[in-house]
PDB file of N, CA and C in Angstrom:
ATOM      1  N   MET A   1       0.931  -1.257  -0.089  1.00  0.00           N
ATOM      2  CA  MET A   1       0.392   0.144  -0.485  1.00  0.00           C
ATOM      3  C   MET A   1       0.826   1.125  -0.248  1.00  0.00           C
ATOM      4  N   ALA A   2       1.595   1.346   0.718  1.00  0.00           N
ATOM      5  CA  ALA A   2       3.155   2.213   0.729  1.00  0.00           C
ATOM      6  C   ALA A   2       3.536   2.445  -0.061  1.00  0.00           C
ATOM      7  N   ASP A   3       3.709   1.433  -1.093  1.00  0.00           N
ATOM      8  CA  ASP A   3       4.225   2.162  -2.515  1.00  0.00           C
ATOM      9  C   ASP A   3       3.263   2.799  -3.380  1.00  0.00           C
ATOM     10  N   GLN A   4       1.973   1.832  -2.941  1.00  0.00           N
ATOM     11  CA  GLN A   4       0.956   2.982  -4.292  1.00  0.00           C
ATOM     12  C   GLN A   4       0.568   3.957  -3.400  1.00  0.00           C
ATOM     13  N   ASN A   5       1.261   4.374  -2.456  1.00  0.00           N
ATOM     14  CA  ASN A   5       0.125   5.826  -2.069  1.00  0.00           C
ATOM     15  C   ASN A   5       1.791   6.316  -2.653  1.00  0.00           C
ATOM     16  N   GLN A   6       2.969   6.134  -2.561  1.00  0.00           N
ATOM     17  CA  GLN A   6       3.994   6.795  -3.486  1.00  0.00           C
ATOM     18  C   GLN A   6       3.839   6.730  -4.576  1.00  0.00           C
ATOM     19  N   MET A   7       3.608   6.227  -5.227  1.00  0.00           N
ATOM     20  CA  MET A   7       3.103   6.095  -6.689  1.00  0.00           C
ATOM     21  C   MET A   7       1.865   7.159  -6.867  1.00  0.00           C
ATOM     22  N   ASP A   8       1.709   7.059  -6.735  1.00  0.00           N
ATOM     23  CA  ASP A   8       0.151   7.995  -6.636  1.00  0.00           C
ATOM     24  C   ASP A   8       0.877   9.169  -6.329  1.00  0.00           C
ATOM     25  N   GLN A   9       1.306   9.727  -5.773  1.00  0.00           N
ATOM     26  CA  GLN A   9       1.712  10.745  -5.139  1.00  0.00           C
ATOM     27  C   GLN A   9       3.126  11.521  -6.135  1.00  0.00           C
ATOM     28  N   GLY A  10       4.083  10.733  -6.209  1.00  0.00           N
ATOM     29  CA  GLY A  10       5.380  11.050  -6.818  1.00  0.00           C
ATOM     30  C   GLY A  10       5.716  10.607  -8.132  1.00  0.00           C
ATOM     31  N   SER A  11       4.583  10.075  -8.886  1.00  0.00           N
ATOM     32  CA  SER A  11       4.625   9.574 -10.425  1.00  0.00           C
ATOM     33  C   SER A  11       3.481   9.774 -10.878  1.00  0.00           C
ATOM     34  N   THR A  12       3.258   9.774 -12.105  1.00  0.00           N
ATOM     35  CA  THR A  12       2.027   9.917 -12.986  1.00  0.00           C
ATOM     36  C   THR A  12       1.984   8.543 -13.544  1.00  0.00           C
ATOM     37  N   SER A  13       0.811   8.114 -14.154  1.00  0.00           N
ATOM     38  CA  SER A  13       0.509   6.460 -14.930  1.00  0.00           C
ATOM     39  C   SER A  13       1.165   7.396 -16.520  1.00  0.00           C
ATOM     40  N   PRO A  14       0.638   6.023 -17.219  1.00  0.00           N
ATOM     41  CA  PRO A  14       1.232   6.423 -18.776  1.00  0.00           C
ATOM     42  C   PRO A  14       0.449   6.873 -19.183  1.00  0.00           C
ATOM     43  N   SER A  15      -1.094   6.505 -18.863  1.00  0.00           N
ATOM     44  CA  SER A  15      -2.360   7.293 -19.154  1.00  0.00           C
ATOM     45  C   SER A  15      -2.173   8.996 -19.123  1.00  0.00           C
ATOM     46  N   GLN A  16      -1.741   9.378 -17.852  1.00  0.00           N
ATOM     47  CA  GLN A  16      -1.478  10.901 -17.602  1.00  0.00           C
ATOM     48  C   GLN A  16      -0.538  11.138 -18.737  1.00  0.00           C
ATOM     49  N   VAL A  17       0.527  10.461 -18.352  1.00  0.00           N
ATOM     50  CA  VAL A  17       1.440  10.667 -19.212  1.00  0.00           C
ATOM     51  C   VAL A  17       1.318  11.278 -20.892  1.00  0.00           C
ATOM     52  N   GLY A  18       0.724  10.454 -21.165  1.00  0.00           N
ATOM     53  CA  GLY A  18      -0.126  10.754 -23.216  1.00  0.00           C
ATOM     54  C   GLY A  18      -1.402  11.930 -22.954  1.00  0.00           C
ATOM     55  N   LYS A  19      -1.493  11.932 -22.113  1.00  0.00           N
ATOM     56  CA  LYS A  19      -2.684  13.436 -21.519  1.00  0.00           C
ATOM     57  C   LYS A  19      -1.857  14.365 -21.726  1.00  0.00           C
ATOM     58  N   THR A  20      -0.526  14.747 -21.039  1.00  0.00           N
ATOM     59  CA  THR A  20      -0.012  15.654 -21.250  1.00  0.00           C
ATOM     60  C   THR A  20       0.519  15.890 -22.297  1.00  0.00           C
ATOM     61  N   ALA A  21       0.802  15.310 -22.916  1.00  0.00           N
ATOM     62  CA  ALA A  21       1.706  15.517 -24.318  1.00  0.00           C
ATOM     63  C   ALA A  21       0.515  16.018 -25.478  1.00  0.00           C
ATOM     64  N   GLU A  22      -0.682  15.331 -24.605  1.00  0.00           N
ATOM     65  CA  GLU A  22      -2.077  15.805 -26.034  1.00  0.00           C
ATOM     66  C   GLU A  22      -2.195  16.585 -25.753  1.00  0.00           C
ATOM     67  N   GLU A  23      -2.434  17.236 -24.593  1.00  0.00           N
ATOM     68  CA  GLU A  23      -2.600  18.924 -24.008  1.00  0.00           C
ATOM     69  C   GLU A  23      -1.714  19.654 -24.486  1.00  0.00           C
ATOM     70  N   ASN A  24      -0.164  19.507 -24.283  1.00  0.00           N
ATOM     71  CA  ASN A  24       0.962  20.102 -25.006  1.00  0.00           C
ATOM     72  C   ASN A  24       0.760  20.337 -26.643  1.00  0.00           C
ATOM     73  N   GLU A  25       0.743  18.778 -27.135  1.00  0.00           N
ATOM     74  CA  GLU A  25       0.444  19.371 -28.943  1.00  0.00           C
ATOM     75  C   GLU A  25      -0.703  20.582 -28.997  1.00  0.00           C
ATOM     76  N   ALA A  26      -1.892  20.257 -28.484  1.00  0.00           N
ATOM     77  CA  ALA A  26      -3.008  20.699 -28.620  1.00  0.00           C
ATOM     78  C   ALA A  26      -3.101  22.402 -28.194  1.00  0.00           C
ATOM     79  N   GLN A  27      -2.367  22.526 -26.981  1.00  0.00           N
ATOM     80  CA  GLN A  27      -2.312  24.094 -26.672  1.00  0.00           C
ATOM     81  C   GLN A  27      -1.022  24.587 -27.785  1.00  0.00           C
ATOM     82  N   GLN A  28      -0.024  23.945 -27.862  1.00  0.00           N
ATOM     83  CA  GLN A  28       1.014  24.453 -29.581  1.00  0.00           C
ATOM     84  C   GLN A  28      -0.002  24.600 -30.623  1.00  0.00           C
ATOM     85  N   THR A  29      -0.246  23.395 -30.837  1.00  0.00           N
ATOM     86  CA  THR A  29      -1.622  24.161 -32.049  1.00  0.00           C
ATOM     87  C   THR A  29      -2.517  24.989 -31.830  1.00  0.00           C
ATOM     88  N   GLY A  30      -2.670  25.334 -30.802  1.00  0.00           N
ATOM     89  CA  GLY A  30      -3.986  26.385 -30.562  1.00  0.00           C
ATOM     90  C   GLY A  30      -2.700  27.433 -30.697  1.00  0.00           C
ATOM     91  N   SER A  31      -1.744  27.745 -30.412  1.00  0.00           N
ATOM     92  CA  SER A  31      -0.674  29.077 -30.400  1.00  0.00           C
ATOM     93  C   SER A  31      -0.799  29.187 -31.945  1.00  0.00           C
ATOM     94  N   ALA A  32      -0.621  28.281 -32.525  1.00  0.00           N
ATOM     95  CA  ALA A  32       0.393  28.126 -33.917  1.00  0.00           C
ATOM     96  C   ALA A  32      -1.044  28.847 -34.652  1.00  0.00           C
ATOM     97  N   VAL A  33      -2.417  28.065 -33.930  1.00  0.00           N
ATOM     98  CA  VAL A  33      -3.595  28.831 -35.303  1.00  0.00           C
ATOM     99  C   VAL A  33      -3.286  30.331 -34.845  1.00  0.00           C
ATOM    100  N   THR A  34      -3.205  30.791 -33.181  1.00  0.00           N
ATOM    101  CA  THR A  34      -3.673  32.221 -33.324  1.00  0.00           C
ATOM    102  C   THR A  34      -2.938  32.634 -33.533  1.00  0.00           C
ATOM    103  N   ASP A  35      -1.180  32.446 -34.128  1.00  0.00           N
ATOM    104  CA  ASP A  35      -0.031  33.204 -34.894  1.00  0.00           C
ATOM    105  C   ASP A  35      -0.638  32.925 -36.014  1.00  0.00           C
ATOM    106  N   ALA A  36      -1.144  32.316 -36.441  1.00  0.00           N
ATOM    107  CA  ALA A  36      -1.411  32.390 -38.075  1.00  0.00           C
ATOM    108  C   ALA A  36      -2.915  33.369 -38.340  1.00  0.00           C
ATOM    109  N   GLN A  37      -3.748  33.574 -37.069  1.00  0.00           N
ATOM    110  CA  GLN A  37      -4.425  34.342 -37.469  1.00  0.00           C
ATOM    111  C   GLN A  37      -4.392  35.752 -37.571  1.00  0.00           C
ATOM    112  N   GLY A  38      -3.072  36.206 -36.182  1.00  0.00           N
ATOM    113  CA  GLY A  38      -2.152  37.380 -36.475  1.00  0.00           C
ATOM    114  C   GLY A  38      -1.571  37.869 -37.630  1.00  0.00           C
ATOM    115  N   LYS A  39      -1.078  36.892 -38.170  1.00  0.00           N
ATOM    116  CA  LYS A  39      -0.640  37.453 -39.580  1.00  0.00           C
ATOM    117  C   LYS A  39      -1.411  38.094 -40.030  1.00  0.00           C
ATOM    118  N   LEU A  40      -2.644  36.905 -40.642  1.00  0.00           N
ATOM    119  CA  LEU A  40      -3.472  36.628 -41.803  1.00  0.00           C
ATOM    120  C   LEU A  40      -4.557  38.244 -42.117  1.00  0.00           C
ATOM    121  N   GLN A  41      -4.465  38.577 -40.205  1.00  0.00           N
ATOM    122  CA  GLN A  41      -4.766  39.886 -40.007  1.00  0.00           C
ATOM    123  C   GLN A  41      -4.103  40.984 -40.334  1.00  0.00           C
ATOM    124  N   SER A  42      -2.766  40.806 -40.170  1.00  0.00           N
ATOM    125  CA  SER A  42      -2.168  41.951 -40.317  1.00  0.00           C
ATOM    126  C   SER A  42      -1.605  42.252 -41.762  1.00  0.00           C
ATOM    127  N   SER A  43      -1.925  40.937 -43.050  1.00  0.00           N
ATOM    128  CA  SER A  43      -1.202  40.793 -43.940  1.00  0.00           C
ATOM    129  C   SER A  43      -3.020  41.670 -44.583  1.00  0.00           C
ATOM    130  N   LYS A  44      -4.354  41.464 -44.233  1.00  0.00           N
ATOM    131  CA  LYS A  44      -5.447  41.829 -44.740  1.00  0.00           C
ATOM    132  C   LYS A  44      -5.294  43.465 -44.883  1.00  0.00           C
ATOM    133  N   THR A  45      -4.584  43.844 -43.147  1.00  0.00           N
ATOM    134  CA  THR A  45      -4.203  45.004 -43.074  1.00  0.00           C
ATOM    135  C   THR A  45      -3.475  45.658 -44.185  1.00  0.00           C
ATOM    136  N   HIS A  46      -2.630  45.405 -44.509  1.00  0.00           N
ATOM    137  CA  HIS A  46      -1.355  45.945 -45.638  1.00  0.00           C
ATOM    138  C   HIS A  46      -1.995  45.450 -46.604  1.00  0.00           C
ATOM    139  N   ALA A  47      -2.824  44.981 -47.737  1.00  0.00           N
ATOM    140  CA  ALA A  47      -3.737  44.598 -48.433  1.00  0.00           C
ATOM    141  C   ALA A  47      -4.408  45.812 -48.721  1.00  0.00           C
ATOM    142  N   ARG A  48      -5.376  45.964 -47.624  1.00  0.00           N
ATOM    143  CA  ARG A  48      -6.697  46.644 -47.547  1.00  0.00           C
ATOM    144  C   ARG A  48      -5.517  48.308 -48.129  1.00  0.00           C
ATOM    145  N   GLN A  49      -4.470  48.645 -46.946  1.00  0.00           N
ATOM    146  CA  GLN A  49      -3.426  50.189 -47.039  1.00  0.00           C
ATOM    147  C   GLN A  49      -3.264  50.266 -48.832  1.00  0.00           C
ATOM    148  N   ALA A  50      -2.789  49.365 -49.129  1.00  0.00           N
ATOM    149  CA  ALA A  50      -2.391  49.055 -50.574  1.00  0.00           C
ATOM    150  C   ALA A  50      -3.176  49.318 -51.227  1.00  0.00           C
ATOM    151  N   ALA A  51      -4.414  48.607 -51.104  1.00  0.00           N
ATOM    152  CA  ALA A  51      -5.708  49.185 -52.085  1.00  0.00           C
ATOM    153  C   ALA A  51      -5.995  50.493 -52.044  1.00  0.00           C
ATOM    154  N   GLU A  52      -5.830  51.364 -50.820  1.00  0.00           N
ATOM    155  CA  GLU A  52      -6.288  52.723 -50.454  1.00  0.00           C
ATOM    156  C   GLU A  52      -5.152  53.425 -51.611  1.00  0.00           C
ATOM    157  N   ASP A  53      -4.164  53.136 -51.351  1.00  0.00           N
ATOM    158  CA  ASP A  53      -2.680  54.354 -52.042  1.00  0.00           C
ATOM    159  C   ASP A  53      -3.237  53.810 -53.005  1.00  0.00           C
ATOM    160  N   LEU A  54      -3.210  52.838 -53.428  1.00  0.00           N
ATOM    161  CA  LEU A  54      -3.024  52.228 -55.185  1.00  0.00           C
ATOM    162  C   LEU A  54      -4.379  53.667 -55.435  1.00  0.00           C
ATOM    163  N   LYS A  55      -5.705  53.424 -55.221  1.00  0.00           N
ATOM    164  CA  LYS A  55      -6.805  54.299 -55.395  1.00  0.00           C
ATOM    165  C   LYS A  55      -6.851  55.754 -55.208  1.00  0.00           C
ATOM    166  N   SER A  56      -5.667  55.670 -54.109  1.00  0.00           N
ATOM    167  CA  SER A  56      -5.537  57.343 -53.831  1.00  0.00           C
ATOM    168  C   SER A  56      -4.845  57.478 -55.583  1.00  0.00           C
ATOM    169  N   ALA A  57      -3.882  57.751 -55.677  1.00  0.00           N
ATOM    170  CA  ALA A  57      -2.979  57.394 -56.672  1.00  0.00           C
ATOM    171  C   ALA A  57      -3.692  56.896 -58.359  1.00  0.00           C
ATOM    172  N   ALA A  58      -4.325  56.292 -58.627  1.00  0.00           N
ATOM    173  CA  ALA A  58      -5.366  55.932 -59.518  1.00  0.00           C
ATOM    174  C   ALA A  58      -5.840  57.268 -59.922  1.00  0.00           C
ATOM    175  N   GLY A  59      -6.669  58.101 -58.948  1.00  0.00           N
ATOM    176  CA  GLY A  59      -7.701  59.244 -58.695  1.00  0.00           C
ATOM    177  C   GLY A  59      -7.071  60.428 -59.292  1.00  0.00           C
ATOM    178  N   VAL A  60      -5.586  60.817 -59.012  1.00  0.00           N
ATOM    179  CA  VAL A  60      -5.055  61.612 -59.384  1.00  0.00           C
ATOM    180  C   VAL A  60      -4.906  61.574 -60.683  1.00  0.00           C
ATOM    181  N   ILE A  61      -4.206  60.703 -61.049  1.00  0.00           N
ATOM    182  CA  ILE A  61      -3.261  59.875 -62.609  1.00  0.00           C
ATOM    183  C   ILE A  61      -4.998  60.549 -63.787  1.00  0.00           C
ATOM    184  N   ALA A  62      -5.716  59.813 -62.536  1.00  0.00           N
ATOM    185  CA  ALA A  62      -7.339  59.761 -63.575  1.00  0.00           C
ATOM    186  C   ALA A  62      -7.858  61.224 -63.729  1.00  0.00           C
ATOM    187  N   GLU A  63      -7.543  62.102 -62.937  1.00  0.00           N
ATOM    188  CA  GLU A  63      -8.015  63.622 -62.755  1.00  0.00           C
ATOM    189  C   GLU A  63      -7.025  64.369 -63.770  1.00  0.00           C
ATOM    190  N   GLU A  64      -5.508  63.992 -63.790  1.00  0.00           N
ATOM    191  CA  GLU A  64      -4.479  64.850 -64.644  1.00  0.00           C
ATOM    192  C   GLU A  64      -5.168  64.459 -66.219  1.00  0.00           C
ATOM    193  N   TYR A  65      -5.532  63.005 -66.430  1.00  0.00           N
ATOM    194  CA  TYR A  65      -5.792  62.526 -68.020  1.00  0.00           C
ATOM    195  C   TYR A  65      -7.018  63.245 -68.236  1.00  0.00           C
ATOM    196  N   ARG A  66      -8.421  64.012 -67.404  1.00  0.00           N
ATOM    197  CA  ARG A  66      -9.408  64.141 -67.348  1.00  0.00           C
ATOM    198  C   ARG A  66      -9.138  65.418 -68.054  1.00  0.00           C
ATOM    199  N   GLY A  67      -8.337  66.205 -67.219  1.00  0.00           N
ATOM    200  CA  GLY A  67      -7.926  67.903 -67.369  1.00  0.00           C
ATOM    201  C   GLY A  67      -7.661  67.491 -69.072  1.00  0.00           C
ATOM    202  N   LYS A  68      -6.252  66.940 -69.120  1.00  0.00           N
ATOM    203  CA  LYS A  68      -5.952  66.851 -70.799  1.00  0.00           C
ATOM    204  C   LYS A  68      -7.119  66.963 -71.417  1.00  0.00           C
ATOM    205  N   ALA A  69      -7.592  65.421 -71.246  1.00  0.00           N
ATOM    206  CA  ALA A  69      -9.022  65.225 -72.044  1.00  0.00           C
ATOM    207  C   ALA A  69      -9.576  66.393 -72.968  1.00  0.00           C
ATOM    208  N   GLU A  70      -9.830  66.744 -70.894  1.00  0.00           N
ATOM    209  CA  GLU A  70     -11.164  68.216 -71.648  1.00  0.00           C
ATOM    210  C   GLU A  70     -10.106  69.595 -72.394  1.00  0.00           C
ATOM    211  N   GLN A  71      -8.798  69.728 -71.970  1.00  0.00           N
ATOM    212  CA  GLN A  71      -7.984  70.989 -72.819  1.00  0.00           C
ATOM    213  C   GLN A  71      -8.192  70.461 -74.420  1.00  0.00           C
ATOM    214  N   ALA A  72      -7.532  69.118 -74.519  1.00  0.00           N
ATOM    215  CA  ALA A  72      -7.928  68.834 -75.998  1.00  0.00           C
ATOM    216  C   ALA A  72      -8.996  68.612 -76.794  1.00  0.00           C
ATOM    217  N   TRP A  73     -10.363  68.435 -75.965  1.00  0.00           N
ATOM    218  CA  TRP A  73     -11.147  68.910 -76.163  1.00  0.00           C
ATOM    219  C   TRP A  73     -11.746  70.439 -76.599  1.00  0.00           C
ATOM    220  N   ASP A  74     -11.279  71.127 -75.875  1.00  0.00           N
ATOM    221  CA  ASP A  74     -11.853  72.469 -76.159  1.00  0.00           C
ATOM    222  C   ASP A  74     -10.759  72.715 -77.335  1.00  0.00           C
ATOM    223  N   GLU A  75      -9.527  72.574 -77.751  1.00  0.00           N
ATOM    224  CA  GLU A  75      -8.791  72.821 -78.474  1.00  0.00           C
ATOM    225  C   GLU A  75      -9.545  72.681 -79.998  1.00  0.00           C
ATOM    226  N   ALA A  76     -10.120  71.184 -79.622  1.00  0.00           N
ATOM    227  CA  ALA A  76     -10.426  70.925 -81.403  1.00  0.00           C
ATOM    228  C   ALA A  76     -11.715  71.272 -81.291  1.00  0.00           C
ATOM    229  N   LYS A  77     -12.577  71.499 -80.416  1.00  0.00           N
ATOM    230  CA  LYS A  77     -13.886  72.738 -80.748  1.00  0.00           C
ATOM    231  C   LYS A  77     -13.408  73.913 -81.582  1.00  0.00           C
ATOM    232  N   ASP A  78     -12.445  74.422 -81.284  1.00  0.00           N
ATOM    233  CA  ASP A  78     -11.673  75.844 -81.684  1.00  0.00           C
ATOM    234  C   ASP A  78     -11.485  75.864 -82.789  1.00  0.00           C
ATOM    235  N   ARG A  79     -10.194  75.198 -83.422  1.00  0.00           N
ATOM    236  CA  ARG A  79      -9.715  74.589 -84.394  1.00  0.00           C
ATOM    237  C   ARG A  79     -11.607  74.536 -85.207  1.00  0.00           C
ATOM    238  N   ALA A  80     -11.910  73.551 -84.621  1.00  0.00           N
ATOM    239  CA  ALA A  80     -13.577  73.086 -85.943  1.00  0.00           C
ATOM    240  C   ALA A  80     -14.388  74.605 -86.178  1.00  0.00           C
ATOM    241  N   ARG A  81     -13.854  75.432 -84.835  1.00  0.00           N
ATOM    242  CA  ARG A  81     -15.293  76.285 -85.496  1.00  0.00           C
ATOM    243  C   ARG A  81     -14.333  77.563 -86.340  1.00  0.00           C
ATOM    244  N   THR A  82     -13.005  77.495 -85.921  1.00  0.00           N
ATOM    245  CA  THR A  82     -12.219  78.117 -86.724  1.00  0.00           C
ATOM    246  C   THR A  82     -12.508  77.862 -88.957  1.00  0.00           C
ATOM    247  N   PHE A  83     -12.045  76.772 -88.477  1.00  0.00           N
ATOM    248  CA  PHE A  83     -12.322  76.074 -90.099  1.00  0.00           C
ATOM    249  C   PHE A  83     -13.422  76.320 -90.480  1.00  0.00           C
ATOM    250  N   GLN A  84     -14.896  76.095 -89.767  1.00  0.00           N
ATOM    251  CA  GLN A  84     -16.150  76.546 -90.168  1.00  0.00           C
ATOM    252  C   GLN A  84     -15.747  77.974 -90.725  1.00  0.00           C
ATOM    253  N   GLN A  85     -15.521  78.970 -89.943  1.00  0.00           N
ATOM    254  CA  GLN A  85     -15.509  80.032 -89.815  1.00  0.00           C
ATOM    255  C   GLN A  85     -14.699  80.666 -91.583  1.00  0.00           C
ATOM    256  N   ASP A  86     -13.607  79.743 -91.219  1.00  0.00           N
ATOM    257  CA  ASP A  86     -12.801  80.184 -92.666  1.00  0.00           C
ATOM    258  C   ASP A  86     -13.656  79.793 -93.774  1.00  0.00           C
ATOM    259  N   ALA A  87     -14.436  78.737 -93.699  1.00  0.00           N
ATOM    260  CA  ALA A  87     -14.764  78.267 -94.892  1.00  0.00           C
ATOM    261  C   ALA A  87     -16.024  78.825 -95.212  1.00  0.00           C
ATOM    262  N   ASP A  88     -16.879  79.628 -94.316  1.00  0.00           N
ATOM    263  CA  ASP A  88     -18.061  81.001 -94.584  1.00  0.00           C
ATOM    264  C   ASP A  88     -17.146  81.595 -95.466  1.00  0.00           C
ATOM    265  N   GLN A  89     -16.661  82.643 -94.529  1.00  0.00           N
ATOM    266  CA  GLN A  89     -15.476  83.072 -95.859  1.00  0.00           C
ATOM    267  C   GLN A  89     -15.368  83.465 -97.067  1.00  0.00           C
ATOM    268  N   TYR A  90     -14.758  81.635 -97.268  1.00  0.00           N
ATOM    269  CA  TYR A  90     -14.411  81.840 -98.469  1.00  0.00           C
ATOM    270  C   TYR A  90     -15.925  81.272 -99.301  1.00  0.00           C
ATOM    271  N   VAL A  91     -16.866  80.449 -99.272  1.00  0.00           N
ATOM    272  CA  VAL A  91     -17.320  80.707 -99.934  1.00  0.00           C
ATOM    273  C   VAL A  91     -18.163  81.722-100.361  1.00  0.00           C
ATOM    274  N   ARG A  92     -18.569  82.766 -99.325  1.00  0.00           N
ATOM    275  CA  ARG A  92     -18.823  84.421 -99.580  1.00  0.00           C
ATOM    276  C   ARG A  92     -18.050  84.848-100.366  1.00  0.00           C
ATOM    277  N   ALA A  93     -16.571  84.868-100.399  1.00  0.00           N
ATOM    278  CA  ALA A  93     -15.558  85.727-101.815  1.00  0.00           C
ATOM    279  C   ALA A  93     -15.945  84.656-102.449  1.00  0.00           C
ATOM    280  N   ASN A  94     -15.738  83.580-103.298  1.00  0.00           N
ATOM    281  CA  ASN A  94     -15.590  82.851-103.966  1.00  0.00           C
ATOM    282  C   ASN A  94     -17.128  81.709-104.252  1.00  0.00           C
ATOM    283  N   PRO A  95     -18.295  82.757-104.606  1.00  0.00           N
ATOM    284  CA  PRO A  95     -18.957  81.626-104.714  1.00  0.00           C
ATOM    285  C   PRO A  95     -19.581  80.312-106.228  1.00  0.00           C
ATOM    286  N   THR A  96     -18.780  80.683-106.489  1.00  0.00           N
ATOM    287  CA  THR A  96     -18.866  80.052-108.070  1.00  0.00           C
ATOM    288  C   THR A  96     -18.448  78.962-107.965  1.00  0.00           C
ATOM    289  N   LYS A  97     -16.321  79.177-107.451  1.00  0.00           N
ATOM    290  CA  LYS A  97     -15.762  78.095-107.283  1.00  0.00           C
ATOM    291  C   LYS A  97     -16.103  77.115-106.118  1.00  0.00           C
ATOM    292  N   SER A  98     -17.024  77.875-105.276  1.00  0.00           N
ATOM    293  CA  SER A  98     -17.017  77.082-104.230  1.00  0.00           C
ATOM    294  C   SER A  98     -18.427  75.949-104.971  1.00  0.00           C
ATOM    295  N   VAL A  99     -19.432  75.774-105.368  1.00  0.00           N
ATOM    296  CA  VAL A  99     -20.357  75.158-106.005  1.00  0.00           C
ATOM    297  C   VAL A  99     -20.187  74.481-107.111  1.00  0.00           C
ATOM    298  N   VAL A 100     -19.248  74.663-107.488  1.00  0.00           N
ATOM    299  CA  VAL A 100     -18.261  73.980-108.860  1.00  0.00           C
ATOM    300  C   VAL A 100     -17.713  72.900-107.894  1.00  0.00           C
ATOM    301  N   THR A 101     -16.884  72.979-106.936  1.00  0.00           N
ATOM    302  CA  THR A 101     -15.843  72.202-106.021  1.00  0.00           C
ATOM    303  C   THR A 101     -16.906  70.953-105.134  1.00  0.00           C
ATOM    304  N   ALA A 102     -18.025  72.036-104.753  1.00  0.00           N
ATOM    305  CA  ALA A 102     -19.054  70.845-103.997  1.00  0.00           C
ATOM    306  C   ALA A 102     -19.330  69.932-105.173  1.00  0.00           C
ATOM    307  N   LEU A 103     -19.881  70.293-106.166  1.00  0.00           N
ATOM    308  CA  LEU A 103     -20.484  69.349-107.271  1.00  0.00           C
ATOM    309  C   LEU A 103     -19.258  68.201-108.141  1.00  0.00           C
ATOM    310  N   GLY A 104     -18.269  68.948-107.685  1.00  0.00           N
ATOM    311  CA  GLY A 104     -17.380  67.746-108.740  1.00  0.00           C
ATOM    312  C   GLY A 104     -17.114  66.799-107.103  1.00  0.00           C
ATOM    313  N   ILE A 105     -16.841  67.033-106.266  1.00  0.00           N
ATOM    314  CA  ILE A 105     -16.944  66.660-104.600  1.00  0.00           C
ATOM    315  C   ILE A 105     -18.029  65.393-104.715  1.00  0.00           C
ATOM    316  N   GLY A 106     -19.106  65.930-104.946  1.00  0.00           N
ATOM    317  CA  GLY A 106     -20.557  64.697-104.575  1.00  0.00           C
ATOM    318  C   GLY A 106     -20.715  64.033-105.849  1.00  0.00           C
ATOM    319  N   PHE A 107     -20.336  64.334-107.417  1.00  0.00           N
ATOM    320  CA  PHE A 107     -20.041  63.444-108.143  1.00  0.00           C
ATOM    321  C   PHE A 107     -19.085  62.557-108.238  1.00  0.00           C
ATOM    322  N   VAL A 108     -17.397  62.462-107.074  1.00  0.00           N
ATOM    323  CA  VAL A 108     -16.547  61.643-107.167  1.00  0.00           C
ATOM    324  C   VAL A 108     -17.100  60.411-106.262  1.00  0.00           C
ATOM    325  N   LEU A 109     -17.759  61.047-104.828  1.00  0.00           N
ATOM    326  CA  LEU A 109     -18.152  60.145-104.294  1.00  0.00           C
ATOM    327  C   LEU A 109     -19.779  59.331-104.407  1.00  0.00           C
ATOM    328  N   GLY A 110     -20.652  60.247-105.659  1.00  0.00           N
ATOM    329  CA  GLY A 110     -21.416  59.031-106.216  1.00  0.00           C
ATOM    330  C   GLY A 110     -21.051  58.049-106.685  1.00  0.00           C
ATOM    331  N   LEU A 111     -20.116  58.075-107.687  1.00  0.00           N
ATOM    332  CA  LEU A 111     -19.432  57.327-108.314  1.00  0.00           C
ATOM    333  C   LEU A 111     -18.703  56.365-107.391  1.00  0.00           C
ATOM    334  N   ILE A 112     -18.017  56.771-106.084  1.00  0.00           N
ATOM    335  CA  ILE A 112     -17.659  55.513-105.130  1.00  0.00           C
ATOM    336  C   ILE A 112     -18.764  54.800-104.433  1.00  0.00           C
ATOM    337  N   PHE A 113     -19.497  55.068-103.658  1.00  0.00           N
ATOM    338  CA  PHE A 113     -20.635  54.446-103.013  1.00  0.00           C
ATOM    339  C   PHE A 113     -21.482  54.023-104.057  1.00  0.00           C
ATOM    340  N   ARG A 114     -21.635  54.188-105.461  1.00  0.00           N
ATOM    341  CA  ARG A 114     -22.177  53.345-106.517  1.00  0.00           C
ATOM    342  C   ARG A 114     -22.128  52.040-106.355  1.00  0.00           C
ATOM    343  N   ARG A 115     -20.521  51.710-106.276  1.00  0.00           N
ATOM    344  CA  ARG A 115     -20.069  50.273-106.598  1.00  0.00           C
ATOM    345  C   ARG A 115     -20.228  49.796-105.475  1.00  0.00           C
TER     346      ARG A 115
END
């Protein structure tokens, strides 16, 4: 009996050793999962910040190109308006030439579209 009391107090049974190893393994696995979740959250935060930075940079570039496009459109409208005014002045100054030229262009286009 004394031997059994010593066994109970001082040593552990094989089933208790197995449980302790399983508990340690479960604890390590839980710790690894927690570390992985923390790294995943950190990666998500970093990716969101990178996406926000990219979005703001793209917005700046888009505004720059929008300004350039508006400027090009305004220049094109001015050129078209100037061309129209020049054409009006030419037709008023040379009506016969303008009519003959228009008839010639119409005849050529008619031949082209006829085929």
